[in-house]
């Protein structure tokens, strides 16, 4: 291993391990989570993006300085590798265009359920994992794969934590969404009509009533 390779391996592994540590902390201590960030105006997304780019940069750098040092079947290297890189970039940039940079950075935003988001809450994380694996196949370097594995593990944890965070913190509840489209006054009027009908039936002897506690029970 050359000095350049050693530096790139250390940078890539440390960046990925820091991300994994922060994500594990967020899973264990959700009230004090680091990702997704609790505040909109936070430096956390910048740090997270920096560490993620360091992982990708280390993989690309290692691939350049250690190009094809390991044997790799041509079908994997020249077909599967470029395909994963291309489809991963297509999905990642499409997702960034659809949901915007704000939501891409983990900040609370509108819940998207159209397009690829119908099938996956976070297709961009899957796309980034595909890109890393594709780079590992294309570069055919044994030093690339430790960084690729750590990077994929960090992205998988981030995807899991982001989905959990959106479900519990960043996305409005189903009840909240429903109440936005319901006229509260109509609910009250419906309740009054129902109460009047029940009392009318009790007065006619169709149903019985009894007082229990502070209210009246009909049966």
N, C-alpha and C. Protein backbone atom coordinates (compact mmCIF):
# COMPACT_ATOMS: atom_id res chain seq x y z
N UNK A 1 0.84 -1.20 0.00
CA UNK A 1 0.00 0.00 0.00
C UNK A 1 0.88 1.25 0.00
N UNK A 2 0.59 2.16 -0.90
CA UNK A 2 1.33 3.41 -0.95
C UNK A 2 0.78 4.39 0.09
N UNK A 3 1.50 5.50 0.29
CA UNK A 3 1.05 6.52 1.25
C UNK A 3 -0.29 7.11 0.81
N UNK A 4 -0.42 7.37 -0.50
CA UNK A 4 -1.68 7.93 -1.01
C UNK A 4 -2.84 6.97 -0.76
N UNK A 5 -2.62 5.70 -1.01
CA UNK A 5 -3.67 4.72 -0.77
C UNK A 5 -4.03 4.66 0.71
N UNK A 6 -3.00 4.69 1.57
CA UNK A 6 -3.25 4.63 3.00
C UNK A 6 -4.07 5.82 3.49
N UNK A 7 -3.73 7.02 2.98
CA UNK A 7 -4.47 8.22 3.39
C UNK A 7 -5.92 8.13 2.95
N UNK A 8 -6.14 7.69 1.72
CA UNK A 8 -7.51 7.59 1.20
C UNK A 8 -8.32 6.55 1.95
N UNK A 9 -7.70 5.42 2.28
CA UNK A 9 -8.41 4.39 3.04
C UNK A 9 -8.79 4.91 4.42
N UNK A 10 -7.85 5.59 5.10
CA UNK A 10 -8.12 6.12 6.44
C UNK A 10 -9.23 7.17 6.39
N UNK A 11 -9.15 8.08 5.43
CA UNK A 11 -10.17 9.14 5.31
C UNK A 11 -11.54 8.53 5.03
N UNK A 12 -11.59 7.58 4.11
CA UNK A 12 -12.87 6.96 3.77
C UNK A 12 -13.46 6.17 4.93
N UNK A 13 -12.64 5.37 5.58
CA UNK A 13 -13.14 4.55 6.70
C UNK A 13 -13.56 5.42 7.88
N UNK A 14 -12.74 6.40 8.23
CA UNK A 14 -13.09 7.27 9.36
C UNK A 14 -14.37 8.04 9.10
N UNK A 15 -14.52 8.56 7.89
CA UNK A 15 -15.73 9.31 7.55
C UNK A 15 -16.96 8.41 7.65
N UNK A 16 -16.86 7.20 7.10
CA UNK A 16 -17.99 6.28 7.17
C UNK A 16 -18.31 5.84 8.59
N UNK A 17 -17.26 5.60 9.39
CA UNK A 17 -17.48 5.17 10.78
C UNK A 17 -18.08 6.27 11.63
N UNK A 18 -17.68 7.52 11.36
CA UNK A 18 -18.30 8.64 12.09
C UNK A 18 -19.78 8.73 11.77
N UNK A 19 -20.12 8.55 10.48
CA UNK A 19 -21.54 8.56 10.09
C UNK A 19 -22.30 7.42 10.77
N UNK A 20 -21.71 6.23 10.80
CA UNK A 20 -22.37 5.09 11.43
C UNK A 20 -22.57 5.34 12.92
N UNK A 21 -21.54 5.91 13.58
CA UNK A 21 -21.66 6.21 15.01
C UNK A 21 -22.77 7.21 15.29
N UNK A 22 -22.85 8.25 14.47
CA UNK A 22 -23.90 9.26 14.66
C UNK A 22 -25.28 8.66 14.43
N UNK A 23 -25.40 7.79 13.45
CA UNK A 23 -26.69 7.17 13.16
C UNK A 23 -27.11 6.19 14.25
N UNK A 24 -26.15 5.43 14.76
CA UNK A 24 -26.46 4.51 15.86
C UNK A 24 -26.90 5.29 17.11
N UNK A 25 -26.24 6.41 17.37
CA UNK A 25 -26.65 7.27 18.48
C UNK A 25 -28.08 7.75 18.28
N UNK A 26 -28.42 8.13 17.05
CA UNK A 26 -29.76 8.63 16.75
C UNK A 26 -30.81 7.54 16.94
N UNK A 27 -30.43 6.29 16.66
CA UNK A 27 -31.37 5.18 16.84
C UNK A 27 -31.57 4.87 18.32
N UNK A 28 -30.47 4.89 19.08
CA UNK A 28 -30.54 4.57 20.51
C UNK A 28 -31.17 5.70 21.30
N UNK A 29 -30.87 6.95 20.93
CA UNK A 29 -31.37 8.14 21.65
C UNK A 29 -32.17 9.01 20.69
N UNK A 30 -33.37 8.60 20.31
CA UNK A 30 -34.14 9.37 19.32
C UNK A 30 -34.49 10.78 19.78
N UNK A 31 -34.62 10.99 21.10
CA UNK A 31 -34.95 12.33 21.58
C UNK A 31 -33.78 13.30 21.39
N UNK A 32 -32.57 12.76 21.28
CA UNK A 32 -31.38 13.59 21.07
C UNK A 32 -30.69 13.19 19.77
N UNK A 33 -31.49 12.83 18.79
CA UNK A 33 -30.92 12.31 17.55
C UNK A 33 -30.10 13.35 16.81
N UNK A 34 -29.18 12.84 16.03
CA UNK A 34 -28.35 13.70 15.17
C UNK A 34 -28.92 13.72 13.76
N UNK A 35 -29.43 12.57 13.31
CA UNK A 35 -30.00 12.47 11.97
C UNK A 35 -31.31 11.70 12.01
N UNK A 36 -32.38 12.20 11.37
CA UNK A 36 -32.49 13.51 10.71
C UNK A 36 -32.40 14.65 11.72
N UNK A 37 -31.89 15.81 11.32
CA UNK A 37 -31.73 16.91 12.26
C UNK A 37 -33.06 17.39 12.81
N UNK A 38 -33.04 17.78 14.10
CA UNK A 38 -34.25 18.28 14.75
C UNK A 38 -34.60 19.71 14.32
N UNK A 39 -33.57 20.48 13.99
CA UNK A 39 -33.79 21.88 13.64
C UNK A 39 -33.55 22.11 12.16
N UNK A 40 -34.33 23.04 11.61
CA UNK A 40 -34.20 23.33 10.19
C UNK A 40 -32.88 24.01 9.89
N UNK A 41 -32.51 25.00 10.70
CA UNK A 41 -31.27 25.73 10.48
C UNK A 41 -30.18 25.09 11.35
N UNK A 42 -29.54 24.08 10.80
CA UNK A 42 -28.54 23.32 11.54
C UNK A 42 -27.34 23.05 10.64
N UNK A 43 -26.18 22.88 11.26
CA UNK A 43 -24.97 22.56 10.50
C UNK A 43 -24.86 21.05 10.27
N UNK A 44 -25.74 20.27 10.89
CA UNK A 44 -25.67 18.82 10.77
C UNK A 44 -25.72 18.35 9.32
N UNK A 45 -26.67 18.86 8.49
CA UNK A 45 -26.69 18.41 7.08
C UNK A 45 -25.38 18.70 6.35
N UNK A 46 -24.76 19.84 6.65
CA UNK A 46 -23.50 20.18 5.99
C UNK A 46 -22.41 19.19 6.38
N UNK A 47 -22.34 18.87 7.69
CA UNK A 47 -21.35 17.90 8.16
C UNK A 47 -21.62 16.53 7.55
N UNK A 48 -22.90 16.13 7.54
CA UNK A 48 -23.25 14.81 6.99
C UNK A 48 -22.90 14.73 5.52
N UNK A 49 -23.21 15.77 4.77
CA UNK A 49 -22.87 15.78 3.35
C UNK A 49 -21.35 15.76 3.16
N UNK A 50 -20.63 16.48 4.00
CA UNK A 50 -19.17 16.48 3.90
C UNK A 50 -18.57 15.11 4.13
N UNK A 51 -19.06 14.41 5.16
CA UNK A 51 -18.56 13.06 5.44
C UNK A 51 -18.94 12.09 4.33
N UNK A 52 -20.17 12.24 3.81
CA UNK A 52 -20.60 11.37 2.71
C UNK A 52 -19.75 11.59 1.47
N UNK A 53 -19.49 12.86 1.15
CA UNK A 53 -18.64 13.16 -0.01
C UNK A 53 -17.22 12.66 0.21
N UNK A 54 -16.75 12.66 1.47
CA UNK A 54 -15.42 12.14 1.77
C UNK A 54 -15.35 10.65 1.47
N UNK A 55 -16.43 9.92 1.79
CA UNK A 55 -16.48 8.48 1.48
C UNK A 55 -16.44 8.27 -0.03
N UNK A 56 -17.28 8.99 -0.76
CA UNK A 56 -17.30 8.85 -2.21
C UNK A 56 -15.96 9.28 -2.82
N UNK A 57 -15.40 10.37 -2.31
CA UNK A 57 -14.12 10.85 -2.81
C UNK A 57 -13.00 9.85 -2.58
N UNK A 58 -13.01 9.20 -1.40
CA UNK A 58 -12.00 8.20 -1.10
C UNK A 58 -12.12 7.00 -2.04
N UNK A 59 -13.34 6.58 -2.30
CA UNK A 59 -13.57 5.45 -3.23
C UNK A 59 -13.06 5.80 -4.63
N UNK A 60 -13.40 6.98 -5.11
CA UNK A 60 -12.96 7.39 -6.45
C UNK A 60 -11.44 7.56 -6.50
N UNK A 61 -10.87 8.18 -5.45
CA UNK A 61 -9.43 8.35 -5.40
C UNK A 61 -8.69 7.03 -5.39
N UNK A 62 -9.16 6.08 -4.57
CA UNK A 62 -8.55 4.76 -4.52
C UNK A 62 -8.68 4.05 -5.87
N UNK A 63 -9.83 4.22 -6.50
CA UNK A 63 -10.02 3.59 -7.81
C UNK A 63 -9.05 4.11 -8.85
N UNK A 64 -8.70 5.40 -8.75
CA UNK A 64 -7.78 5.99 -9.72
C UNK A 64 -6.34 5.54 -9.47
N UNK A 65 -5.90 5.60 -8.21
CA UNK A 65 -4.50 5.27 -7.91
C UNK A 65 -4.27 3.76 -7.86
N UNK A 66 -5.33 2.97 -7.73
CA UNK A 66 -5.18 1.52 -7.63
C UNK A 66 -6.05 0.84 -8.69
N UNK A 67 -6.06 1.43 -9.88
CA UNK A 67 -6.93 0.97 -10.96
C UNK A 67 -6.63 -0.47 -11.36
N UNK A 68 -7.65 -1.32 -11.28
CA UNK A 68 -7.59 -2.70 -11.77
C UNK A 68 -6.42 -3.47 -11.18
N UNK A 69 -6.22 -3.36 -9.89
CA UNK A 69 -5.15 -4.15 -9.26
C UNK A 69 -5.63 -5.54 -8.87
N UNK A 70 -6.94 -5.76 -8.95
CA UNK A 70 -7.50 -7.09 -8.64
C UNK A 70 -8.25 -7.61 -9.86
N UNK A 71 -8.26 -8.91 -9.99
CA UNK A 71 -8.97 -9.51 -11.12
C UNK A 71 -10.47 -9.42 -10.89
N UNK A 72 -11.20 -9.09 -11.94
CA UNK A 72 -12.64 -8.94 -11.85
C UNK A 72 -13.25 -9.40 -13.18
N UNK A 73 -14.28 -10.25 -13.14
CA UNK A 73 -14.91 -10.67 -14.40
C UNK A 73 -15.38 -9.46 -15.20
N UNK A 74 -15.15 -9.51 -16.50
CA UNK A 74 -15.51 -8.37 -17.35
C UNK A 74 -17.00 -8.04 -17.29
N UNK A 75 -17.83 -9.08 -17.15
CA UNK A 75 -19.28 -8.82 -17.09
C UNK A 75 -19.63 -7.97 -15.88
N UNK A 76 -18.99 -8.26 -14.75
CA UNK A 76 -19.25 -7.47 -13.54
C UNK A 76 -18.65 -6.08 -13.67
N UNK A 77 -17.44 -6.01 -14.14
CA UNK A 77 -16.74 -4.73 -14.16
C UNK A 77 -17.29 -3.77 -15.20
N UNK A 78 -17.50 -4.23 -16.41
CA UNK A 78 -17.85 -3.32 -17.50
C UNK A 78 -19.34 -3.26 -17.81
N UNK A 79 -20.13 -4.18 -17.23
CA UNK A 79 -21.58 -4.16 -17.47
C UNK A 79 -22.34 -3.77 -16.21
N UNK A 80 -22.16 -4.56 -15.16
CA UNK A 80 -22.91 -4.30 -13.92
C UNK A 80 -22.45 -3.01 -13.25
N UNK A 81 -21.13 -2.80 -13.19
CA UNK A 81 -20.59 -1.60 -12.53
C UNK A 81 -21.11 -0.31 -13.12
N UNK A 82 -20.89 -0.06 -14.43
CA UNK A 82 -21.40 1.18 -15.04
C UNK A 82 -22.92 1.30 -14.98
N UNK A 83 -23.63 0.16 -15.08
CA UNK A 83 -25.10 0.21 -15.00
C UNK A 83 -25.54 0.72 -13.63
N UNK A 84 -24.95 0.18 -12.55
CA UNK A 84 -25.31 0.63 -11.20
C UNK A 84 -24.97 2.11 -11.00
N UNK A 85 -23.83 2.53 -11.54
CA UNK A 85 -23.43 3.94 -11.41
C UNK A 85 -24.42 4.84 -12.15
N UNK A 86 -24.79 4.45 -13.37
CA UNK A 86 -25.69 5.27 -14.19
C UNK A 86 -27.09 5.34 -13.58
N UNK A 87 -27.65 4.18 -13.23
CA UNK A 87 -29.02 4.17 -12.69
C UNK A 87 -29.06 4.83 -11.33
N UNK A 88 -27.98 4.66 -10.55
CA UNK A 88 -27.92 5.31 -9.23
C UNK A 88 -27.90 6.82 -9.35
N UNK A 89 -27.09 7.35 -10.26
CA UNK A 89 -27.04 8.80 -10.45
C UNK A 89 -28.36 9.33 -10.98
N UNK A 90 -28.99 8.58 -11.89
CA UNK A 90 -30.27 9.01 -12.44
C UNK A 90 -31.32 9.14 -11.34
N UNK A 91 -31.42 8.14 -10.46
CA UNK A 91 -32.41 8.17 -9.39
C UNK A 91 -32.06 9.24 -8.36
N UNK A 92 -30.77 9.34 -8.01
CA UNK A 92 -30.36 10.31 -6.98
C UNK A 92 -30.65 11.74 -7.42
N UNK A 93 -30.29 12.09 -8.65
CA UNK A 93 -30.51 13.46 -9.10
C UNK A 93 -31.98 13.73 -9.39
N UNK A 94 -32.69 12.71 -9.87
CA UNK A 94 -34.15 12.86 -10.05
C UNK A 94 -34.82 13.11 -8.71
N UNK A 95 -34.42 12.35 -7.69
CA UNK A 95 -35.00 12.54 -6.36
C UNK A 95 -34.71 13.92 -5.81
N UNK A 96 -33.47 14.40 -5.99
CA UNK A 96 -33.11 15.73 -5.51
C UNK A 96 -33.93 16.80 -6.22
N UNK A 97 -34.22 16.59 -7.50
CA UNK A 97 -35.02 17.56 -8.25
C UNK A 97 -36.47 17.55 -7.79
N UNK A 98 -37.00 16.35 -7.47
CA UNK A 98 -38.41 16.22 -7.08
C UNK A 98 -38.66 16.79 -5.70
N UNK A 99 -37.86 16.40 -4.71
CA UNK A 99 -38.14 16.82 -3.33
C UNK A 99 -37.38 18.05 -2.92
N UNK A 100 -36.36 18.46 -3.70
CA UNK A 100 -35.63 19.68 -3.38
C UNK A 100 -34.46 19.43 -2.43
N UNK A 101 -33.57 20.40 -2.40
CA UNK A 101 -32.37 20.28 -1.58
C UNK A 101 -32.68 20.26 -0.10
N UNK A 102 -33.74 20.96 0.30
CA UNK A 102 -34.09 21.04 1.72
C UNK A 102 -34.42 19.67 2.28
N UNK A 103 -35.31 18.95 1.62
CA UNK A 103 -35.69 17.62 2.10
C UNK A 103 -34.56 16.63 1.92
N UNK A 104 -33.75 16.80 0.87
CA UNK A 104 -32.62 15.92 0.65
C UNK A 104 -31.63 16.00 1.80
N UNK A 105 -31.57 17.16 2.43
CA UNK A 105 -30.65 17.36 3.55
C UNK A 105 -31.23 16.89 4.88
N UNK A 106 -32.35 16.21 4.84
CA UNK A 106 -32.92 15.63 6.05
C UNK A 106 -33.83 16.55 6.82
N UNK A 107 -34.10 17.75 6.29
CA UNK A 107 -34.93 18.72 7.00
C UNK A 107 -36.40 18.39 6.78
N UNK A 108 -37.23 18.69 7.78
CA UNK A 108 -38.66 18.44 7.69
C UNK A 108 -39.26 19.14 6.49
N UNK A 109 -40.06 18.38 5.73
CA UNK A 109 -40.69 18.96 4.54
C UNK A 109 -41.92 18.12 4.20
N UNK A 110 -42.58 18.48 3.10
CA UNK A 110 -43.80 17.80 2.69
C UNK A 110 -43.52 16.34 2.34
N UNK A 111 -44.43 15.46 2.72
CA UNK A 111 -44.30 14.05 2.43
C UNK A 111 -44.63 13.79 0.96
N UNK A 112 -43.70 13.16 0.24
CA UNK A 112 -43.89 12.86 -1.18
C UNK A 112 -44.26 11.39 -1.32
N UNK A 113 -45.34 11.12 -2.06
CA UNK A 113 -45.79 9.73 -2.25
C UNK A 113 -45.98 9.39 -3.72
N UNK A 114 -45.45 10.21 -4.63
CA UNK A 114 -45.61 9.96 -6.05
C UNK A 114 -44.30 9.44 -6.64
N UNK A 115 -44.38 8.93 -7.87
CA UNK A 115 -43.18 8.45 -8.55
C UNK A 115 -42.55 7.28 -7.81
N UNK A 116 -41.22 7.28 -7.75
CA UNK A 116 -40.51 6.21 -7.06
C UNK A 116 -40.79 6.21 -5.56
N UNK A 117 -41.25 7.35 -5.04
CA UNK A 117 -41.56 7.42 -3.61
C UNK A 117 -42.81 6.63 -3.25
N UNK A 118 -43.50 6.12 -4.25
CA UNK A 118 -44.62 5.20 -3.98
C UNK A 118 -44.10 3.85 -3.51
N UNK A 119 -42.90 3.49 -3.93
CA UNK A 119 -42.34 2.17 -3.62
C UNK A 119 -41.28 2.21 -2.54
N UNK A 120 -40.65 3.35 -2.33
CA UNK A 120 -39.60 3.46 -1.31
C UNK A 120 -39.64 4.85 -0.71
N UNK A 121 -39.52 4.93 0.62
CA UNK A 121 -39.53 6.24 1.27
C UNK A 121 -38.28 7.04 0.94
N UNK A 122 -37.17 6.34 0.70
CA UNK A 122 -35.91 7.04 0.46
C UNK A 122 -35.14 6.38 -0.68
N UNK A 123 -35.61 6.52 -1.91
CA UNK A 123 -34.89 5.89 -3.03
C UNK A 123 -33.51 6.46 -3.27
N UNK A 124 -33.26 7.69 -2.81
CA UNK A 124 -31.94 8.28 -3.03
C UNK A 124 -30.85 7.55 -2.26
N UNK A 125 -31.17 7.07 -1.07
CA UNK A 125 -30.17 6.31 -0.32
C UNK A 125 -29.86 5.00 -1.05
N UNK A 126 -30.88 4.34 -1.57
CA UNK A 126 -30.66 3.13 -2.36
C UNK A 126 -29.81 3.44 -3.59
N UNK A 127 -30.07 4.59 -4.21
CA UNK A 127 -29.30 4.99 -5.39
C UNK A 127 -27.83 5.22 -5.03
N UNK A 128 -27.57 5.88 -3.90
CA UNK A 128 -26.19 6.11 -3.49
C UNK A 128 -25.47 4.80 -3.18
N UNK A 129 -26.19 3.85 -2.59
CA UNK A 129 -25.58 2.54 -2.33
C UNK A 129 -25.23 1.86 -3.65
N UNK A 130 -26.13 1.97 -4.63
CA UNK A 130 -25.86 1.37 -5.94
C UNK A 130 -24.64 2.01 -6.59
N UNK A 131 -24.49 3.32 -6.45
CA UNK A 131 -23.33 4.02 -7.02
C UNK A 131 -22.03 3.51 -6.39
N UNK A 132 -22.00 3.39 -5.07
CA UNK A 132 -20.80 2.92 -4.39
C UNK A 132 -20.43 1.50 -4.83
N UNK A 133 -21.41 0.62 -4.89
CA UNK A 133 -21.14 -0.76 -5.31
C UNK A 133 -20.67 -0.78 -6.77
N UNK A 134 -21.31 0.04 -7.60
CA UNK A 134 -20.90 0.12 -9.00
C UNK A 134 -19.47 0.61 -9.15
N UNK A 135 -19.08 1.61 -8.35
CA UNK A 135 -17.70 2.10 -8.39
C UNK A 135 -16.72 1.01 -7.96
N UNK A 136 -17.10 0.26 -6.92
CA UNK A 136 -16.23 -0.82 -6.46
C UNK A 136 -16.02 -1.87 -7.54
N UNK A 137 -17.08 -2.20 -8.28
CA UNK A 137 -16.95 -3.18 -9.36
C UNK A 137 -16.13 -2.62 -10.52
N UNK A 138 -16.36 -1.36 -10.86
CA UNK A 138 -15.66 -0.76 -12.00
C UNK A 138 -14.16 -0.60 -11.73
N UNK A 139 -13.79 -0.16 -10.53
CA UNK A 139 -12.38 0.10 -10.24
C UNK A 139 -11.58 -1.18 -10.01
N UNK A 140 -12.24 -2.25 -9.57
CA UNK A 140 -11.57 -3.54 -9.38
C UNK A 140 -10.32 -3.40 -8.51
N UNK A 141 -10.49 -2.72 -7.38
CA UNK A 141 -9.38 -2.52 -6.44
C UNK A 141 -9.75 -3.11 -5.09
N UNK A 142 -8.87 -3.92 -4.49
CA UNK A 142 -9.19 -4.50 -3.17
C UNK A 142 -9.26 -3.44 -2.07
N UNK A 143 -8.56 -2.32 -2.25
CA UNK A 143 -8.57 -1.27 -1.22
C UNK A 143 -9.85 -0.45 -1.25
N UNK A 144 -10.56 -0.51 -2.36
CA UNK A 144 -11.81 0.24 -2.48
C UNK A 144 -12.91 -0.39 -1.63
N UNK A 145 -12.93 -1.71 -1.56
CA UNK A 145 -14.08 -2.40 -0.98
C UNK A 145 -14.30 -2.18 0.51
N UNK A 146 -13.26 -2.06 1.34
CA UNK A 146 -13.54 -1.73 2.75
C UNK A 146 -14.29 -0.41 2.90
N UNK A 147 -13.90 0.58 2.11
CA UNK A 147 -14.57 1.89 2.17
C UNK A 147 -15.98 1.77 1.61
N UNK A 148 -16.15 1.00 0.53
CA UNK A 148 -17.47 0.80 -0.05
C UNK A 148 -18.41 0.14 0.96
N UNK A 149 -17.93 -0.89 1.66
CA UNK A 149 -18.76 -1.61 2.62
C UNK A 149 -19.19 -0.69 3.77
N UNK A 150 -18.24 0.09 4.29
CA UNK A 150 -18.57 1.02 5.38
C UNK A 150 -19.55 2.09 4.88
N UNK A 151 -19.33 2.58 3.67
CA UNK A 151 -20.23 3.59 3.12
C UNK A 151 -21.64 3.06 2.90
N UNK A 152 -21.75 1.84 2.38
CA UNK A 152 -23.08 1.23 2.16
C UNK A 152 -23.77 1.01 3.50
N UNK A 153 -23.02 0.58 4.52
CA UNK A 153 -23.61 0.38 5.85
C UNK A 153 -24.14 1.69 6.42
N UNK A 154 -23.37 2.77 6.25
CA UNK A 154 -23.81 4.08 6.74
C UNK A 154 -25.07 4.54 6.01
N UNK A 155 -25.12 4.35 4.70
CA UNK A 155 -26.29 4.75 3.93
C UNK A 155 -27.52 3.92 4.29
N UNK A 156 -27.30 2.63 4.55
CA UNK A 156 -28.43 1.78 4.95
C UNK A 156 -29.00 2.22 6.30
N UNK A 157 -28.12 2.57 7.24
CA UNK A 157 -28.58 3.07 8.54
C UNK A 157 -29.28 4.41 8.38
N UNK A 158 -28.73 5.27 7.53
CA UNK A 158 -29.34 6.58 7.30
C UNK A 158 -30.72 6.43 6.69
N UNK A 159 -30.87 5.49 5.76
CA UNK A 159 -32.18 5.25 5.14
C UNK A 159 -33.18 4.77 6.18
N UNK A 160 -32.75 3.86 7.03
CA UNK A 160 -33.64 3.34 8.07
C UNK A 160 -34.03 4.44 9.05
N UNK A 161 -33.05 5.22 9.48
CA UNK A 161 -33.31 6.27 10.46
C UNK A 161 -34.14 7.39 9.86
N UNK A 162 -33.91 7.72 8.59
CA UNK A 162 -34.69 8.78 7.93
C UNK A 162 -36.14 8.36 7.80
N UNK A 163 -36.37 7.08 7.43
CA UNK A 163 -37.74 6.61 7.31
C UNK A 163 -38.44 6.65 8.66
N UNK A 164 -37.72 6.23 9.71
CA UNK A 164 -38.31 6.25 11.06
C UNK A 164 -38.57 7.67 11.50
N UNK A 165 -37.61 8.57 11.21
CA UNK A 165 -37.78 9.96 11.61
C UNK A 165 -38.93 10.63 10.90
N UNK A 166 -39.09 10.32 9.60
CA UNK A 166 -40.21 10.90 8.85
C UNK A 166 -41.53 10.40 9.36
N UNK A 167 -41.55 9.12 9.73
CA UNK A 167 -42.81 8.55 10.18
C UNK A 167 -43.24 9.10 11.52
N UNK A 168 -42.27 9.50 12.35
CA UNK A 168 -42.61 9.90 13.70
C UNK A 168 -42.40 11.38 14.00
N UNK A 169 -41.60 12.05 13.16
CA UNK A 169 -41.26 13.42 13.51
C UNK A 169 -41.46 14.41 12.37
N UNK A 170 -41.05 14.03 11.16
CA UNK A 170 -41.03 15.02 10.10
C UNK A 170 -42.30 15.07 9.28
N UNK A 171 -43.04 13.98 9.24
CA UNK A 171 -44.26 13.96 8.43
C UNK A 171 -45.47 14.17 9.31
N UNK A 172 -46.46 14.89 8.83
CA UNK A 172 -47.67 15.08 9.63
C UNK A 172 -48.41 13.76 9.79
N UNK A 173 -49.09 13.60 10.92
CA UNK A 173 -49.83 12.38 11.16
C UNK A 173 -51.03 12.30 10.25
N UNK A 174 -51.57 11.07 10.10
CA UNK A 174 -52.76 10.88 9.28
C UNK A 174 -53.92 11.71 9.82
N UNK A 175 -54.02 11.76 11.14
CA UNK A 175 -55.10 12.54 11.75
C UNK A 175 -54.97 14.02 11.42
N UNK A 176 -53.72 14.51 11.42
CA UNK A 176 -53.50 15.93 11.10
C UNK A 176 -53.90 16.22 9.67
N UNK A 177 -53.50 15.31 8.75
CA UNK A 177 -53.85 15.51 7.34
C UNK A 177 -55.36 15.48 7.16
N UNK A 178 -56.02 14.54 7.83
CA UNK A 178 -57.47 14.41 7.69
C UNK A 178 -58.19 15.64 8.23
N UNK A 179 -57.74 16.16 9.36
CA UNK A 179 -58.41 17.30 9.97
C UNK A 179 -58.32 18.56 9.12
N UNK A 180 -57.27 18.62 8.27
CA UNK A 180 -57.15 19.77 7.39
C UNK A 180 -58.28 19.83 6.37
N UNK A 181 -58.88 18.66 6.09
CA UNK A 181 -59.93 18.60 5.07
C UNK A 181 -61.31 18.39 5.67
N UNK A 182 -61.45 18.53 6.97
CA UNK A 182 -62.72 18.31 7.64
C UNK A 182 -63.19 19.61 8.27
N UNK A 183 -64.42 19.93 8.05
CA UNK A 183 -65.03 21.10 8.67
C UNK A 183 -65.45 20.73 10.09
N UNK A 184 -64.81 21.31 11.09
CA UNK A 184 -65.10 20.98 12.48
C UNK A 184 -66.55 21.29 12.83
N UNK A 185 -67.08 22.37 12.28
CA UNK A 185 -68.47 22.75 12.58
C UNK A 185 -69.44 21.69 12.08
N UNK A 186 -69.12 21.06 10.93
CA UNK A 186 -70.01 20.02 10.41
C UNK A 186 -69.98 18.80 11.32
N UNK A 187 -68.81 18.51 11.91
CA UNK A 187 -68.73 17.41 12.86
C UNK A 187 -69.60 17.68 14.08
N UNK A 188 -69.54 18.91 14.58
CA UNK A 188 -70.35 19.26 15.75
C UNK A 188 -71.84 19.17 15.43
N UNK A 189 -72.22 19.65 14.25
CA UNK A 189 -73.63 19.59 13.85
C UNK A 189 -74.09 18.14 13.72
N UNK A 190 -73.25 17.30 13.15
CA UNK A 190 -73.59 15.88 13.02
C UNK A 190 -73.78 15.24 14.38
N UNK A 191 -72.91 15.61 15.33
CA UNK A 191 -73.04 15.06 16.68
C UNK A 191 -74.35 15.49 17.33
N UNK A 192 -74.72 16.76 17.12
CA UNK A 192 -75.97 17.25 17.72
C UNK A 192 -77.17 16.54 17.12
N UNK A 193 -77.16 16.31 15.79
CA UNK A 193 -78.27 15.61 15.14
C UNK A 193 -78.37 14.18 15.65
N UNK A 194 -77.24 13.55 15.85
CA UNK A 194 -77.23 12.18 16.36
C UNK A 194 -77.80 12.14 17.77
N UNK A 195 -77.38 13.10 18.60
CA UNK A 195 -77.86 13.13 19.98
C UNK A 195 -79.37 13.37 20.02
N UNK A 196 -79.87 14.26 19.16
CA UNK A 196 -81.30 14.55 19.10
C UNK A 196 -82.09 13.30 18.70
N UNK A 197 -81.58 12.55 17.72
CA UNK A 197 -82.27 11.34 17.26
C UNK A 197 -82.34 10.30 18.36
N UNK A 198 -81.25 10.15 19.10
CA UNK A 198 -81.22 9.17 20.18
C UNK A 198 -82.20 9.54 21.28
N UNK A 199 -82.22 10.83 21.62
CA UNK A 199 -83.14 11.29 22.67
C UNK A 199 -84.60 11.13 22.22
N UNK A 200 -84.87 11.36 20.94
CA UNK A 200 -86.23 11.20 20.42
C UNK A 200 -86.67 9.75 20.51
N UNK A 201 -85.78 8.83 20.16
CA UNK A 201 -86.11 7.42 20.26
C UNK A 201 -86.36 7.00 21.70
N UNK A 202 -85.60 7.56 22.64
CA UNK A 202 -85.78 7.24 24.06
C UNK A 202 -87.12 7.76 24.55
N UNK A 203 -87.52 8.95 24.08
CA UNK A 203 -88.79 9.53 24.49
C UNK A 203 -89.97 8.69 24.00
N UNK A 204 -89.80 8.04 22.83
CA UNK A 204 -90.87 7.23 22.28
C UNK A 204 -90.86 5.81 22.84
N UNK A 205 -89.90 5.52 23.68
CA UNK A 205 -89.83 4.19 24.27
C UNK A 205 -89.18 3.16 23.38
N UNK A 206 -88.58 3.60 22.26
CA UNK A 206 -87.93 2.66 21.36
C UNK A 206 -86.64 2.10 21.99
N UNK A 207 -85.93 2.93 22.74
CA UNK A 207 -84.73 2.49 23.44
C UNK A 207 -84.81 2.96 24.88
N UNK A 208 -84.03 2.36 25.74
CA UNK A 208 -84.02 2.73 27.14
C UNK A 208 -82.79 3.57 27.47
N UNK A 209 -82.90 4.27 28.59
CA UNK A 209 -81.78 5.10 29.02
C UNK A 209 -81.63 4.98 30.52
N UNK A 210 -80.41 5.21 30.96
CA UNK A 210 -80.12 5.23 32.40
C UNK A 210 -78.99 6.20 32.64
N UNK A 211 -79.00 6.79 33.86
CA UNK A 211 -77.96 7.74 34.22
C UNK A 211 -76.80 7.00 34.86
N UNK A 212 -75.61 7.23 34.32
CA UNK A 212 -74.42 6.58 34.86
C UNK A 212 -73.33 7.65 34.99
N UNK A 213 -72.94 7.93 36.23
CA UNK A 213 -71.95 9.00 36.46
C UNK A 213 -72.55 10.32 36.14
N UNK A 214 -71.87 11.08 35.30
CA UNK A 214 -72.36 12.41 34.94
C UNK A 214 -73.11 12.42 33.62
N UNK A 215 -73.13 11.25 32.93
CA UNK A 215 -73.79 11.22 31.63
C UNK A 215 -74.95 10.25 31.59
N UNK A 216 -75.58 10.19 30.46
CA UNK A 216 -76.73 9.32 30.26
C UNK A 216 -76.35 8.26 29.23
N UNK A 217 -76.68 7.01 29.53
CA UNK A 217 -76.35 5.89 28.67
C UNK A 217 -77.63 5.37 28.03
N UNK A 218 -77.61 5.17 26.72
CA UNK A 218 -78.75 4.63 25.97
C UNK A 218 -78.45 3.21 25.55
N UNK A 219 -79.51 2.36 25.65
CA UNK A 219 -79.32 0.95 25.26
C UNK A 219 -80.63 0.35 24.78
